[in-house]
Each structure stands twice: as structure tokens, then as C-alpha cells.
């Protein structure tokens, strides 16, 4: 008779991602990207079957070490048990919940473009269905391990973000995503940490720098030479060291940091690049960098 493995052995060898969230927020895109990375993906899986699938994977001798289960409101009453199911699975495997979200207006636009009704719309309006789903998923979103706001992503951007989050998932330590942004275009909603660079003089008001951006050496030198800039960098990195160490102790492996200024073109770009370089030097931290609003006019 085959002896069952201990909880510690199963947790070390088997990973389960539960991809869920708002209908229309990009679950299929994320599932396809994960499948390309070698994850075994099951879409629209009834929750009671998830535990069965995990047991089958455990008995497969390592053939299915990484499983993605895409579950959503289409499961109706079965979906209500997702919190309990996740808790049970975490006793025998490494389980993380990835929640995809987007603003109501973006979701409406996406549904209108494909001319499909919302699963909870019934005889009501599309927006009523979206708001009902958001209400039902509020608790799940709050407890998710990773929240991705796809409002500003196209299909290619979301696939890239998924690869950045999960392609090197077997590497121990912390995977840090740093992004610059402009407050005038809205604050990112899917970040863990945020830094505001508007305390520094704006290069936009320097005629010779206005047409450049934070990637250019002239802008970088201007920003970093302003009073308080280097003090901020040194103190902020020092403050994040125990935070990142604590994240790793608590097995929080994905962290996002947003660095903002007014337009997302000068100060935030220069400081995000500098912070990314410095934070990448911390033990156990790998860093990816993107500039959300750099190409905007």
C-alpha cells in the first residue's frame, strides 16, 4: 500500500493557483499565459472537484506539480464555498488565490464589445449584474493573495504581467514589481506600496527637460540632484528592508510598488528606476520594472 506523504512534503511539492475574480476581467487570458508557462489549467472547475483534482495530482508522482483552477461566479451556489475550500486545501498544498478585477466602466465596455450578457444579469441591466457580482466577491477579493487590476491592460499587457508574476515562481524569495505612474491618470489599485514623488521639483517646468523623460540621463541627474531626493532613496530602501524580510518570512512572494508623480513621465520614472536598482540588491529580492504612463501625451 502506498503511504501518503506528510503535509510538509505535499506543500513543498505541489502548488495550486486559484484564478478567480470579476467576469470580464481577463481570467481566460491569465489562464492561457499560465498554460504557456507549463501550468496544468482547468477552467470552470466545480469547487467540490478541486479537492479531488488536488488528491489526484498528489498521487500522480509529480506529474502535475503546478495546477491552475479557474473558478468563478458561473458555479453559482458552489462558488459560495470557495473560502472554506481554500482553507482545506492549504492544509495539504501551497495554495494561492489570484483575483482579477477591473473598474465597472471597463467591464461594461468589454461586455458590450463581445455582445454577451453578464452571468448575473438575468432580467436586469449589465451594470446591475456587475455590481451584484462585485458585492458577492468583496470578501474573496479582500483575502486574495494576489490582486491584479486589469483596467489599463490589453490582452498582451495582461499576458506579460502574468509571465512576470509566475514564470520564475520556483525561485525562492520575493518577486517585486515596480511601476511608475502619473496621478493625473489615476492611482493604481492593485499595489501593495506607494511612493509619491511630487515633493520634488518638476522637470516639466525646465524648458530643456520638458520633452525628455526619466529614462534620459539629463532628467535623472536633475531629479536625483534635488534636495531630499537621495535622502528619500536611502531612507526608503532602509525602511523597506525589514518589510521585505517579513514578507518572505510570511511567504508573501509577490509585492508591487508604485512610484507616482503628476504625469508619470519625469520624476516617477527616474525614481522608480533608481529604486528598482537599489531594491534588487537586497537579499532574496528579484525586481521587474514598468512605466505605466510614460507613453501618454
C-alpha atoms as a PDB file:
ATOM      1  CA  UNK A   1       0.000   0.000   0.000  1.00  0.00           C
ATOM      2  CA  UNK A   2       1.283   3.452  -0.914  1.00  0.00           C
ATOM      3  CA  UNK A   3       1.825   5.599   2.135  1.00  0.00           C
ATOM      4  CA  UNK A   4       0.504   9.134   1.985  1.00  0.00           C
ATOM      5  CA  UNK A   5       3.014  11.947   2.090  1.00  0.00           C
ATOM      6  CA  UNK A   6       3.182  14.308   5.020  1.00  0.00           C
ATOM      7  CA  UNK A   7       1.643  17.763   4.792  1.00  0.00           C
ATOM      8  CA  UNK A   8       5.124  19.294   4.651  1.00  0.00           C
ATOM      9  CA  UNK A   9       6.145  17.044   1.742  1.00  0.00           C
ATOM     10  CA  UNK A  10       2.969  17.815  -0.213  1.00  0.00           C
ATOM     11  CA  UNK A  11       3.200  21.536   0.436  1.00  0.00           C
ATOM     12  CA  UNK A  12       6.781  21.603  -0.799  1.00  0.00           C
ATOM     13  CA  UNK A  13       5.961  19.696  -3.996  1.00  0.00           C
ATOM     14  CA  UNK A  14       2.527  20.833  -5.131  1.00  0.00           C
ATOM     15  CA  UNK A  15       1.319  24.315  -5.998  1.00  0.00           C
ATOM     16  CA  UNK A  16      -2.247  25.332  -6.742  1.00  0.00           C
ATOM     17  CA  UNK A  17      -3.292  28.693  -8.160  1.00  0.00           C
ATOM     18  CA  UNK A  18      -6.972  29.552  -7.958  1.00  0.00           C
ATOM     19  CA  UNK A  19      -7.675  32.189 -10.603  1.00  0.00           C
ATOM     20  CA  UNK A  20     -10.927  33.994  -9.965  1.00  0.00           C
ATOM     21  CA  UNK A  21     -12.410  37.476  -9.943  1.00  0.00           C
ATOM     22  CA  UNK A  22     -14.814  39.649 -11.865  1.00  0.00           C
ATOM     23  CA  UNK A  23     -16.353  38.316 -15.058  1.00  0.00           C
ATOM     24  CA  UNK A  24     -14.699  40.088 -17.965  1.00  0.00           C
ATOM     25  CA  UNK A  25     -11.532  40.955 -16.020  1.00  0.00           C
ATOM     26  CA  UNK A  26      -9.302  38.601 -18.029  1.00  0.00           C
ATOM     27  CA  UNK A  27      -9.374  35.161 -16.442  1.00  0.00           C
ATOM     28  CA  UNK A  28      -9.042  33.385 -19.801  1.00  0.00           C
ATOM     29  CA  UNK A  29      -6.041  35.492 -20.768  1.00  0.00           C
ATOM     30  CA  UNK A  30      -4.289  34.740 -17.482  1.00  0.00           C
ATOM     31  CA  UNK A  31      -5.140  31.031 -17.772  1.00  0.00           C
ATOM     32  CA  UNK A  32      -3.682  30.879 -21.290  1.00  0.00           C
ATOM     33  CA  UNK A  33      -0.488  32.622 -20.188  1.00  0.00           C
ATOM     34  CA  UNK A  34      -0.081  30.234 -17.257  1.00  0.00           C
ATOM     35  CA  UNK A  35      -0.659  27.241 -19.525  1.00  0.00           C
ATOM     36  CA  UNK A  36       2.117  28.528 -21.782  1.00  0.00           C
ATOM     37  CA  UNK A  37       4.365  28.563 -18.704  1.00  0.00           C
ATOM     38  CA  UNK A  38       3.717  24.874 -18.074  1.00  0.00           C
ATOM     39  CA  UNK A  39       0.918  25.027 -15.505  1.00  0.00           C
ATOM     40  CA  UNK A  40      -1.890  22.465 -15.791  1.00  0.00           C
ATOM     41  CA  UNK A  41      -5.026  24.579 -16.276  1.00  0.00           C
ATOM     42  CA  UNK A  42      -8.622  23.536 -15.608  1.00  0.00           C
ATOM     43  CA  UNK A  43     -11.317  26.100 -16.476  1.00  0.00           C
ATOM     44  CA  UNK A  44     -14.739  26.454 -14.822  1.00  0.00           C
ATOM     45  CA  UNK A  45     -13.998  23.671 -12.356  1.00  0.00           C
ATOM     46  CA  UNK A  46     -16.764  22.997  -9.809  1.00  0.00           C
ATOM     47  CA  UNK A  47     -15.320  23.677  -6.374  1.00  0.00           C
ATOM     48  CA  UNK A  48     -16.077  20.214  -4.926  1.00  0.00           C
ATOM     49  CA  UNK A  49     -13.907  18.799  -7.725  1.00  0.00           C
ATOM     50  CA  UNK A  50     -10.933  20.968  -6.799  1.00  0.00           C
ATOM     51  CA  UNK A  51     -10.067  18.858  -3.765  1.00  0.00           C
ATOM     52  CA  UNK A  52     -10.430  15.711  -5.874  1.00  0.00           C
ATOM     53  CA  UNK A  53      -8.105  17.185  -8.502  1.00  0.00           C
ATOM     54  CA  UNK A  54      -5.535  18.074  -5.823  1.00  0.00           C
ATOM     55  CA  UNK A  55      -5.632  14.496  -4.475  1.00  0.00           C
ATOM     56  CA  UNK A  56      -5.194  13.081  -7.981  1.00  0.00           C
ATOM     57  CA  UNK A  57      -2.235  15.372  -8.593  1.00  0.00           C
ATOM     58  CA  UNK A  58      -0.688  14.279  -5.307  1.00  0.00           C
ATOM     59  CA  UNK A  59      -0.945  10.647  -6.402  1.00  0.00           C
ATOM     60  CA  UNK A  60       0.491  11.376  -9.854  1.00  0.00           C
ATOM     61  CA  UNK A  61       4.076  11.086  -8.658  1.00  0.00           C
ATOM     62  CA  UNK A  62       4.978  14.667  -9.509  1.00  0.00           C
ATOM     63  CA  UNK A  63       3.368  14.665 -12.969  1.00  0.00           C
ATOM     64  CA  UNK A  64       1.147  17.651 -12.030  1.00  0.00           C
ATOM     65  CA  UNK A  65       3.206  19.792  -9.651  1.00  0.00           C
ATOM     66  CA  UNK A  66       1.557  23.084 -10.641  1.00  0.00           C
ATOM     67  CA  UNK A  67      -2.200  23.356 -11.106  1.00  0.00           C
ATOM     68  CA  UNK A  68      -4.347  26.325 -12.090  1.00  0.00           C
ATOM     69  CA  UNK A  69      -8.061  26.152 -11.319  1.00  0.00           C
ATOM     70  CA  UNK A  70     -10.167  28.876 -12.919  1.00  0.00           C
ATOM     71  CA  UNK A  71     -13.312  29.277 -10.824  1.00  0.00           C
ATOM     72  CA  UNK A  72     -15.930  31.998 -10.943  1.00  0.00           C
ATOM     73  CA  UNK A  73     -19.483  33.012 -10.305  1.00  0.00           C
ATOM     74  CA  UNK A  74     -20.720  30.616 -13.006  1.00  0.00           C
ATOM     75  CA  UNK A  75     -20.599  27.972 -10.258  1.00  0.00           C
ATOM     76  CA  UNK A  76     -23.497  29.796  -8.549  1.00  0.00           C
ATOM     77  CA  UNK A  77     -24.155  28.199  -5.135  1.00  0.00           C
ATOM     78  CA  UNK A  78     -20.999  26.095  -5.309  1.00  0.00           C
ATOM     79  CA  UNK A  79     -18.938  29.291  -5.527  1.00  0.00           C
ATOM     80  CA  UNK A  80     -20.109  30.341  -2.062  1.00  0.00           C
ATOM     81  CA  UNK A  81     -17.894  27.641  -0.526  1.00  0.00           C
ATOM     82  CA  UNK A  82     -14.650  28.886  -2.047  1.00  0.00           C
ATOM     83  CA  UNK A  83     -13.235  30.325   1.202  1.00  0.00           C
ATOM     84  CA  UNK A  84     -13.794  27.036   3.028  1.00  0.00           C
ATOM     85  CA  UNK A  85     -12.349  25.048   0.130  1.00  0.00           C
ATOM     86  CA  UNK A  86      -9.201  27.201   0.020  1.00  0.00           C
ATOM     87  CA  UNK A  87      -8.681  26.776   3.763  1.00  0.00           C
ATOM     88  CA  UNK A  88      -8.955  22.991   3.485  1.00  0.00           C
ATOM     89  CA  UNK A  89      -6.537  22.829   0.554  1.00  0.00           C
ATOM     90  CA  UNK A  90      -3.964  24.929   2.349  1.00  0.00           C
ATOM     91  CA  UNK A  91      -3.591  22.123   4.855  1.00  0.00           C
ATOM     92  CA  UNK A  92      -2.025  19.901   2.219  1.00  0.00           C
ATOM     93  CA  UNK A  93      -0.651  22.083  -0.592  1.00  0.00           C
ATOM     94  CA  UNK A  94       0.735  25.521  -1.398  1.00  0.00           C
ATOM     95  CA  UNK A  95      -2.393  27.408  -2.453  1.00  0.00           C
ATOM     96  CA  UNK A  96      -2.711  30.988  -3.644  1.00  0.00           C
ATOM     97  CA  UNK A  97      -5.757  32.898  -4.821  1.00  0.00           C
ATOM     98  CA  UNK A  98      -5.302  35.279  -7.762  1.00  0.00           C
ATOM     99  CA  UNK A  99      -8.145  37.784  -8.053  1.00  0.00           C
ATOM    100  CA  UNK A 100      -8.666  39.703 -11.297  1.00  0.00           C
ATOM    101  CA  UNK A 101     -10.534  42.976 -11.164  1.00  0.00           C
ATOM    102  CA  UNK A 102     -11.405  45.965 -13.337  1.00  0.00           C
ATOM    103  CA  UNK A 103     -13.500  49.083 -12.999  1.00  0.00           C
ATOM    104  CA  UNK A 104     -17.227  48.886 -13.733  1.00  0.00           C
ATOM    105  CA  UNK A 105     -16.987  51.064 -16.837  1.00  0.00           C
ATOM    106  CA  UNK A 106     -14.217  48.914 -18.300  1.00  0.00           C
ATOM    107  CA  UNK A 107     -16.195  45.727 -17.628  1.00  0.00           C
ATOM    108  CA  UNK A 108     -19.275  47.228 -19.281  1.00  0.00           C
ATOM    109  CA  UNK A 109     -17.213  48.187 -22.317  1.00  0.00           C
ATOM    110  CA  UNK A 110     -15.736  44.700 -22.605  1.00  0.00           C
ATOM    111  CA  UNK A 111     -19.115  43.010 -22.362  1.00  0.00           C
ATOM    112  CA  UNK A 112     -20.618  45.351 -24.911  1.00  0.00           C
ATOM    113  CA  UNK A 113     -17.771  44.643 -27.334  1.00  0.00           C
ATOM    114  CA  UNK A 114     -18.487  40.885 -27.290  1.00  0.00           C
ATOM    115  CA  UNK A 115     -22.280  41.334 -27.016  1.00  0.00           C
ATOM    116  CA  UNK A 116     -22.715  38.795 -24.241  1.00  0.00           C
ATOM    117  CA  UNK A 117     -24.871  39.071 -21.102  1.00  0.00           C
ATOM    118  CA  UNK A 118     -23.358  39.063 -17.648  1.00  0.00           C
ATOM    119  CA  UNK A 119     -23.821  35.738 -15.743  1.00  0.00           C
ATOM    120  CA  UNK A 120     -25.786  37.538 -13.003  1.00  0.00           C
ATOM    121  CA  UNK A 121     -27.623  39.992 -15.219  1.00  0.00           C
ATOM    122  CA  UNK A 122     -30.851  37.957 -15.546  1.00  0.00           C
ATOM    123  CA  UNK A 123     -33.663  40.374 -16.451  1.00  0.00           C
ATOM    124  CA  UNK A 124     -31.746  43.387 -15.134  1.00  0.00           C
ATOM    125  CA  UNK A 125     -29.109  45.597 -16.730  1.00  0.00           C
ATOM    126  CA  UNK A 126     -25.498  44.703 -17.421  1.00  0.00           C
ATOM    127  CA  UNK A 127     -24.305  47.149 -14.775  1.00  0.00           C
ATOM    128  CA  UNK A 128     -26.654  45.634 -12.191  1.00  0.00           C
ATOM    129  CA  UNK A 129     -25.136  42.204 -12.851  1.00  0.00           C
ATOM    130  CA  UNK A 130     -21.612  43.573 -12.445  1.00  0.00           C
ATOM    131  CA  UNK A 131     -22.453  45.311  -9.177  1.00  0.00           C
ATOM    132  CA  UNK A 132     -24.122  42.189  -7.786  1.00  0.00           C
ATOM    133  CA  UNK A 133     -21.066  40.123  -8.646  1.00  0.00           C
ATOM    134  CA  UNK A 134     -18.750  42.694  -7.052  1.00  0.00           C
ATOM    135  CA  UNK A 135     -20.824  42.577  -3.860  1.00  0.00           C
ATOM    136  CA  UNK A 136     -20.656  38.777  -3.710  1.00  0.00           C
ATOM    137  CA  UNK A 137     -16.895  38.726  -4.343  1.00  0.00           C
ATOM    138  CA  UNK A 138     -15.953  41.500  -1.920  1.00  0.00           C
ATOM    139  CA  UNK A 139     -14.774  39.167   0.848  1.00  0.00           C
ATOM    140  CA  UNK A 140     -12.855  36.931  -1.546  1.00  0.00           C
ATOM    141  CA  UNK A 141     -11.038  39.903  -3.064  1.00  0.00           C
ATOM    142  CA  UNK A 142     -10.012  41.110   0.384  1.00  0.00           C
ATOM    143  CA  UNK A 143      -8.464  37.746   1.254  1.00  0.00           C
ATOM    144  CA  UNK A 144      -6.772  37.055  -2.099  1.00  0.00           C
ATOM    145  CA  UNK A 145      -3.006  36.563  -2.210  1.00  0.00           C
ATOM    146  CA  UNK A 146      -2.581  38.470  -5.474  1.00  0.00           C
ATOM    147  CA  UNK A 147      -4.946  41.131  -6.866  1.00  0.00           C
ATOM    148  CA  UNK A 148      -4.472  42.286 -10.460  1.00  0.00           C
ATOM    149  CA  UNK A 149      -6.401  45.302 -11.715  1.00  0.00           C
ATOM    150  CA  UNK A 150      -6.648  44.763 -15.482  1.00  0.00           C
ATOM    151  CA  UNK A 151      -8.432  48.032 -16.266  1.00  0.00           C
ATOM    152  CA  UNK A 152      -5.479  49.502 -18.137  1.00  0.00           C
ATOM    153  CA  UNK A 153      -4.242  46.227 -19.644  1.00  0.00           C
ATOM    154  CA  UNK A 154      -4.877  44.941 -23.120  1.00  0.00           C
ATOM    155  CA  UNK A 155      -4.561  41.196 -23.763  1.00  0.00           C
ATOM    156  CA  UNK A 156      -0.831  41.419 -24.439  1.00  0.00           C
ATOM    157  CA  UNK A 157      -0.125  43.564 -21.363  1.00  0.00           C
ATOM    158  CA  UNK A 158      -2.005  41.135 -19.118  1.00  0.00           C
ATOM    159  CA  UNK A 159      -0.150  38.128 -20.555  1.00  0.00           C
ATOM    160  CA  UNK A 160       3.156  39.909 -19.938  1.00  0.00           C
ATOM    161  CA  UNK A 161       2.195  40.798 -16.370  1.00  0.00           C
ATOM    162  CA  UNK A 162       1.209  37.176 -15.710  1.00  0.00           C
ATOM    163  CA  UNK A 163       4.535  35.903 -17.012  1.00  0.00           C
ATOM    164  CA  UNK A 164       6.391  38.402 -14.830  1.00  0.00           C
ATOM    165  CA  UNK A 165       4.499  37.226 -11.761  1.00  0.00           C
ATOM    166  CA  UNK A 166       4.680  33.477 -12.266  1.00  0.00           C
ATOM    167  CA  UNK A 167       7.345  32.480 -14.800  1.00  0.00           C
ATOM    168  CA  UNK A 168      10.086  32.299 -12.178  1.00  0.00           C
ATOM    169  CA  UNK A 169       7.819  31.063  -9.435  1.00  0.00           C
ATOM    170  CA  UNK A 170      10.186  28.305  -8.313  1.00  0.00           C
ATOM    171  CA  UNK A 171      12.848  30.828  -7.347  1.00  0.00           C
ATOM    172  CA  UNK A 172      12.826  31.373  -3.583  1.00  0.00           C
ATOM    173  CA  UNK A 173      12.472  34.843  -2.182  1.00  0.00           C
ATOM    174  CA  UNK A 174      10.449  37.897  -3.118  1.00  0.00           C
ATOM    175  CA  UNK A 175       9.370  38.980  -6.587  1.00  0.00           C
ATOM    176  CA  UNK A 176       8.947  42.755  -6.597  1.00  0.00           C
ATOM    177  CA  UNK A 177       7.099  44.599  -9.349  1.00  0.00           C
ATOM    178  CA  UNK A 178       7.949  48.321  -9.532  1.00  0.00           C
ATOM    179  CA  UNK A 179       5.910  50.653 -11.714  1.00  0.00           C
ATOM    180  CA  UNK A 180       5.911  54.396 -12.298  1.00  0.00           C
ATOM    181  CA  UNK A 181       2.619  56.207 -12.863  1.00  0.00           C
ATOM    182  CA  UNK A 182       1.013  59.626 -13.118  1.00  0.00           C
ATOM    183  CA  UNK A 183      -1.542  60.724 -10.515  1.00  0.00           C
ATOM    184  CA  UNK A 184      -3.403  62.682 -13.210  1.00  0.00           C
ATOM    185  CA  UNK A 185      -4.284  59.351 -14.889  1.00  0.00           C
ATOM    186  CA  UNK A 186      -5.483  57.665 -11.719  1.00  0.00           C
ATOM    187  CA  UNK A 187      -3.873  55.792  -8.843  1.00  0.00           C
ATOM    188  CA  UNK A 188      -3.128  52.065  -9.393  1.00  0.00           C
ATOM    189  CA  UNK A 189      -5.492  49.939  -7.312  1.00  0.00           C
ATOM    190  CA  UNK A 190      -3.549  46.670  -7.350  1.00  0.00           C
ATOM    191  CA  UNK A 191      -0.394  47.718  -5.482  1.00  0.00           C
ATOM    192  CA  UNK A 192       0.914  46.944  -2.002  1.00  0.00           C
ATOM    193  CA  UNK A 193       3.137  50.011  -1.537  1.00  0.00           C
ATOM    194  CA  UNK A 194       3.104  53.514  -2.975  1.00  0.00           C
ATOM    195  CA  UNK A 195       5.603  56.385  -3.024  1.00  0.00           C
ATOM    196  CA  UNK A 196       4.740  59.961  -4.036  1.00  0.00           C
ATOM    197  CA  UNK A 197       7.498  61.914  -5.831  1.00  0.00           C
ATOM    198  CA  UNK A 198       5.600  65.198  -6.014  1.00  0.00           C
ATOM    199  CA  UNK A 199       7.728  66.550  -3.174  1.00  0.00           C
ATOM    200  CA  UNK A 200      10.497  67.092  -5.768  1.00  0.00           C
ATOM    201  CA  UNK A 201      10.648  69.961  -8.300  1.00  0.00           C
ATOM    202  CA  UNK A 202       9.034  69.017 -11.607  1.00  0.00           C
ATOM    203  CA  UNK A 203      11.433  68.851 -14.610  1.00  0.00           C
ATOM    204  CA  UNK A 204       8.434  69.647 -16.805  1.00  0.00           C
ATOM    205  CA  UNK A 205       8.942  73.320 -15.956  1.00  0.00           C
ATOM    206  CA  UNK A 206      12.529  73.241 -17.216  1.00  0.00           C
ATOM    207  CA  UNK A 207      12.374  74.093 -20.930  1.00  0.00           C
ATOM    208  CA  UNK A 208      15.315  71.906 -21.899  1.00  0.00           C
ATOM    209  CA  UNK A 209      13.896  68.883 -19.999  1.00  0.00           C
ATOM    210  CA  UNK A 210      10.204  69.096 -20.846  1.00  0.00           C
ATOM    211  CA  UNK A 211      10.396  66.930 -23.977  1.00  0.00           C
ATOM    212  CA  UNK A 212      12.597  64.321 -22.254  1.00  0.00           C
ATOM    213  CA  UNK A 213      11.614  61.737 -19.656  1.00  0.00           C
ATOM    214  CA  UNK A 214      13.008  59.977 -16.616  1.00  0.00           C
ATOM    215  CA  UNK A 215      14.891  57.438 -18.729  1.00  0.00           C
ATOM    216  CA  UNK A 216      17.095  60.211 -20.104  1.00  0.00           C
ATOM    217  CA  UNK A 217      20.292  60.936 -18.185  1.00  0.00           C
ATOM    218  CA  UNK A 218      19.587  64.674 -18.055  1.00  0.00           C
ATOM    219  CA  UNK A 219      16.269  64.168 -16.279  1.00  0.00           C
ATOM    220  CA  UNK A 220      17.672  61.515 -13.962  1.00  0.00           C
ATOM    221  CA  UNK A 221      20.550  63.803 -12.934  1.00  0.00           C
ATOM    222  CA  UNK A 222      18.133  66.699 -12.382  1.00  0.00           C
ATOM    223  CA  UNK A 223      15.765  64.645 -10.218  1.00  0.00           C
ATOM    224  CA  UNK A 224      18.431  62.939  -8.120  1.00  0.00           C
ATOM    225  CA  UNK A 225      20.280  66.203  -7.502  1.00  0.00           C
ATOM    226  CA  UNK A 226      17.259  67.942  -5.959  1.00  0.00           C
ATOM    227  CA  UNK A 227      17.212  68.491  -2.207  1.00  0.00           C
ATOM    228  CA  UNK A 228      15.782  65.483  -0.385  1.00  0.00           C
ATOM    229  CA  UNK A 229      15.958  63.069  -3.334  1.00  0.00           C
ATOM    230  CA  UNK A 230      18.911  60.960  -2.254  1.00  0.00           C
ATOM    231  CA  UNK A 231      17.879  61.161   1.399  1.00  0.00           C
ATOM    232  CA  UNK A 232      14.495  59.743   0.405  1.00  0.00           C
ATOM    233  CA  UNK A 233      16.082  56.909  -1.593  1.00  0.00           C
ATOM    234  CA  UNK A 234      18.436  55.888   1.186  1.00  0.00           C
ATOM    235  CA  UNK A 235      15.831  56.082   3.945  1.00  0.00           C
ATOM    236  CA  UNK A 236      13.069  54.423   1.922  1.00  0.00           C
ATOM    237  CA  UNK A 237      15.224  51.472   0.916  1.00  0.00           C
ATOM    238  CA  UNK A 238      16.376  51.132   4.514  1.00  0.00           C
ATOM    239  CA  UNK A 239      12.759  51.179   5.700  1.00  0.00           C
ATOM    240  CA  UNK A 240      11.746  48.517   3.165  1.00  0.00           C
ATOM    241  CA  UNK A 241      14.482  46.069   4.164  1.00  0.00           C
ATOM    242  CA  UNK A 242      12.676  44.738   7.283  1.00  0.00           C
ATOM    243  CA  UNK A 243       9.347  44.873   5.433  1.00  0.00           C
ATOM    244  CA  UNK A 244      10.621  42.655   2.613  1.00  0.00           C
ATOM    245  CA  UNK A 245      12.307  40.324   5.070  1.00  0.00           C
ATOM    246  CA  UNK A 246       8.997  39.999   6.909  1.00  0.00           C
ATOM    247  CA  UNK A 247       7.134  39.341   3.658  1.00  0.00           C
ATOM    248  CA  UNK A 248       9.490  36.461   2.928  1.00  0.00           C
ATOM    249  CA  UNK A 249       9.021  35.019   6.411  1.00  0.00           C
ATOM    250  CA  UNK A 250       5.253  35.179   5.886  1.00  0.00           C
ATOM    251  CA  UNK A 251       5.597  33.536   2.448  1.00  0.00           C
ATOM    252  CA  UNK A 252       4.295  36.614   0.603  1.00  0.00           C
ATOM    253  CA  UNK A 253       6.203  36.127  -2.614  1.00  0.00           C
ATOM    254  CA  UNK A 254       4.745  38.844  -4.875  1.00  0.00           C
ATOM    255  CA  UNK A 255       4.833  42.522  -3.925  1.00  0.00           C
ATOM    256  CA  UNK A 256       4.027  45.566  -6.043  1.00  0.00           C
ATOM    257  CA  UNK A 257       5.398  49.080  -5.517  1.00  0.00           C
ATOM    258  CA  UNK A 258       4.019  52.102  -7.377  1.00  0.00           C
ATOM    259  CA  UNK A 259       6.024  55.321  -7.690  1.00  0.00           C
ATOM    260  CA  UNK A 260       3.980  58.342  -8.734  1.00  0.00           C
ATOM    261  CA  UNK A 261       4.347  61.927  -9.870  1.00  0.00           C
ATOM    262  CA  UNK A 262       1.958  64.274 -11.639  1.00  0.00           C
ATOM    263  CA  UNK A 263       2.209  62.962 -15.204  1.00  0.00           C
ATOM    264  CA  UNK A 264       4.218  59.758 -14.815  1.00  0.00           C
ATOM    265  CA  UNK A 265       6.906  60.960 -17.199  1.00  0.00           C
ATOM    266  CA  UNK A 266       9.815  62.549 -15.309  1.00  0.00           C
ATOM    267  CA  UNK A 267      10.196  62.219 -11.532  1.00  0.00           C
ATOM    268  CA  UNK A 268       8.382  58.921 -11.047  1.00  0.00           C
ATOM    269  CA  UNK A 269      10.233  57.256 -13.939  1.00  0.00           C
ATOM    270  CA  UNK A 270      13.664  58.370 -12.743  1.00  0.00           C
ATOM    271  CA  UNK A 271      12.978  57.423  -9.121  1.00  0.00           C
ATOM    272  CA  UNK A 272      11.313  54.110  -9.993  1.00  0.00           C
ATOM    273  CA  UNK A 273      14.402  53.094 -11.962  1.00  0.00           C
ATOM    274  CA  UNK A 274      16.702  54.092  -9.125  1.00  0.00           C
ATOM    275  CA  UNK A 275      14.570  52.324  -6.523  1.00  0.00           C
ATOM    276  CA  UNK A 276      14.396  49.185  -8.678  1.00  0.00           C
ATOM    277  CA  UNK A 277      18.197  49.078  -8.931  1.00  0.00           C
ATOM    278  CA  UNK A 278      18.686  49.543  -5.204  1.00  0.00           C
ATOM    279  CA  UNK A 279      15.951  47.136  -4.119  1.00  0.00           C
ATOM    280  CA  UNK A 280      17.251  44.445  -6.480  1.00  0.00           C
ATOM    281  CA  UNK A 281      20.426  44.422  -4.376  1.00  0.00           C
ATOM    282  CA  UNK A 282      18.508  43.317  -1.259  1.00  0.00           C
ATOM    283  CA  UNK A 283      18.847  39.626  -0.301  1.00  0.00           C
ATOM    284  CA  UNK A 284      16.270  37.344  -1.931  1.00  0.00           C
ATOM    285  CA  UNK A 285      14.591  40.115  -3.962  1.00  0.00           C
ATOM    286  CA  UNK A 286      14.139  39.973  -7.747  1.00  0.00           C
ATOM    287  CA  UNK A 287      12.711  43.068  -9.455  1.00  0.00           C
ATOM    288  CA  UNK A 288      10.746  43.826 -12.627  1.00  0.00           C
ATOM    289  CA  UNK A 289      10.108  47.404 -13.781  1.00  0.00           C
ATOM    290  CA  UNK A 290       7.440  49.008 -15.971  1.00  0.00           C
ATOM    291  CA  UNK A 291       6.353  52.581 -16.677  1.00  0.00           C
ATOM    292  CA  UNK A 292       2.567  52.724 -16.893  1.00  0.00           C
ATOM    293  CA  UNK A 293       2.070  56.227 -18.257  1.00  0.00           C
ATOM    294  CA  UNK A 294       5.368  57.020 -19.942  1.00  0.00           C
ATOM    295  CA  UNK A 295       3.935  56.961 -23.464  1.00  0.00           C
ATOM    296  CA  UNK A 296       0.959  59.212 -22.729  1.00  0.00           C
ATOM    297  CA  UNK A 297       0.746  62.712 -24.100  1.00  0.00           C
END
